[in-house]
C-alpha cells in the first residue's frame, strides 16, 4: 500500500511562494518588538517581586 506523492497545483505553489516570505516577515517584526520591549523593561524580568536587587544603583 504505497501512497503516490501528491503534486502541488500552480495555485498552491504560488501560495507557498508568497506565504513563506510573508510568515518570515511577520515573525521578524514580532521578534524585533519583543527585543525592543526587553530593552525597555530591562533584563531583570525574572527577579522575584519585592526582593531587593544585589546590584548597587549608579
C-alpha atoms as a PDB file:
ATOM      1  CA  UNK A   1       0.000   0.000   0.000  1.00  0.00           C
ATOM      2  CA  UNK A   2       2.251   2.756  -1.231  1.00  0.00           C
ATOM      3  CA  UNK A   3       0.772   6.191  -1.494  1.00  0.00           C
ATOM      4  CA  UNK A   4       1.582   8.210  -4.555  1.00  0.00           C
ATOM      5  CA  UNK A   5       3.335  11.519  -3.941  1.00  0.00           C
ATOM      6  CA  UNK A   6       0.901  14.370  -4.349  1.00  0.00           C
ATOM      7  CA  UNK A   7       1.945  17.218  -6.585  1.00  0.00           C
ATOM      8  CA  UNK A   8       1.049  20.793  -5.769  1.00  0.00           C
ATOM      9  CA  UNK A   9      -1.156  22.740  -8.117  1.00  0.00           C
ATOM     10  CA  UNK A  10       0.148  26.012  -9.522  1.00  0.00           C
ATOM     11  CA  UNK A  11      -2.153  27.916  -7.157  1.00  0.00           C
ATOM     12  CA  UNK A  12      -0.743  26.022  -4.164  1.00  0.00           C
ATOM     13  CA  UNK A  13       2.815  26.661  -5.349  1.00  0.00           C
ATOM     14  CA  UNK A  14       2.074  30.371  -5.698  1.00  0.00           C
ATOM     15  CA  UNK A  15       0.501  30.491  -2.239  1.00  0.00           C
ATOM     16  CA  UNK A  16       3.531  28.717  -0.794  1.00  0.00           C
ATOM     17  CA  UNK A  17       5.988  31.031  -2.554  1.00  0.00           C
ATOM     18  CA  UNK A  18       4.140  34.093  -1.235  1.00  0.00           C
ATOM     19  CA  UNK A  19       3.300  32.686   2.183  1.00  0.00           C
ATOM     20  CA  UNK A  20       6.765  31.667   3.326  1.00  0.00           C
ATOM     21  CA  UNK A  21       8.379  35.130   2.981  1.00  0.00           C
ATOM     22  CA  UNK A  22       5.264  36.754   4.463  1.00  0.00           C
ATOM     23  CA  UNK A  23       5.402  34.471   7.502  1.00  0.00           C
ATOM     24  CA  UNK A  24       9.126  35.134   7.892  1.00  0.00           C
ATOM     25  CA  UNK A  25       8.489  38.891   7.774  1.00  0.00           C
ATOM     26  CA  UNK A  26       5.768  38.679  10.428  1.00  0.00           C
ATOM     27  CA  UNK A  27       7.989  36.570  12.683  1.00  0.00           C
ATOM     28  CA  UNK A  28      10.851  39.044  12.257  1.00  0.00           C
ATOM     29  CA  UNK A  29       8.615  42.003  13.168  1.00  0.00           C
ATOM     30  CA  UNK A  30       7.339  40.184  16.262  1.00  0.00           C
ATOM     31  CA  UNK A  31      10.912  39.308  17.234  1.00  0.00           C
ATOM     32  CA  UNK A  32      12.036  42.936  16.876  1.00  0.00           C
ATOM     33  CA  UNK A  33       9.104  44.136  19.010  1.00  0.00           C
ATOM     34  CA  UNK A  34       9.981  41.572  21.677  1.00  0.00           C
ATOM     35  CA  UNK A  35      13.638  42.596  21.696  1.00  0.00           C
ATOM     36  CA  UNK A  36      12.800  46.324  21.843  1.00  0.00           C
ATOM     37  CA  UNK A  37      10.371  45.751  24.723  1.00  0.00           C
ATOM     38  CA  UNK A  38      13.021  43.722  26.546  1.00  0.00           C
ATOM     39  CA  UNK A  39      15.479  46.606  26.240  1.00  0.00           C
ATOM     40  CA  UNK A  40      12.902  48.997  27.743  1.00  0.00           C
ATOM     41  CA  UNK A  41      11.949  46.601  30.571  1.00  0.00           C
ATOM     42  CA  UNK A  42      15.489  45.544  31.258  1.00  0.00           C
ATOM     43  CA  UNK A  43      16.859  42.059  31.778  1.00  0.00           C
ATOM     44  CA  UNK A  44      15.549  41.719  35.375  1.00  0.00           C
ATOM     45  CA  UNK A  45      12.088  40.344  34.500  1.00  0.00           C
ATOM     46  CA  UNK A  46      12.780  37.040  36.239  1.00  0.00           C
ATOM     47  CA  UNK A  47      13.542  38.577  39.633  1.00  0.00           C
ATOM     48  CA  UNK A  48      11.124  37.882  42.486  1.00  0.00           C
ATOM     49  CA  UNK A  49       8.953  40.967  43.163  1.00  0.00           C
ATOM     50  CA  UNK A  50       9.701  42.704  46.430  1.00  0.00           C
ATOM     51  CA  UNK A  51      13.129  41.188  46.774  1.00  0.00           C
ATOM     52  CA  UNK A  52      15.937  43.770  46.719  1.00  0.00           C
ATOM     53  CA  UNK A  53      18.419  43.582  43.905  1.00  0.00           C
ATOM     54  CA  UNK A  54      22.058  42.809  44.659  1.00  0.00           C
ATOM     55  CA  UNK A  55      23.112  45.464  42.207  1.00  0.00           C
ATOM     56  CA  UNK A  56      24.030  48.875  43.553  1.00  0.00           C
ATOM     57  CA  UNK A  57      22.327  51.844  41.904  1.00  0.00           C
ATOM     58  CA  UNK A  58      24.614  54.131  39.860  1.00  0.00           C
END
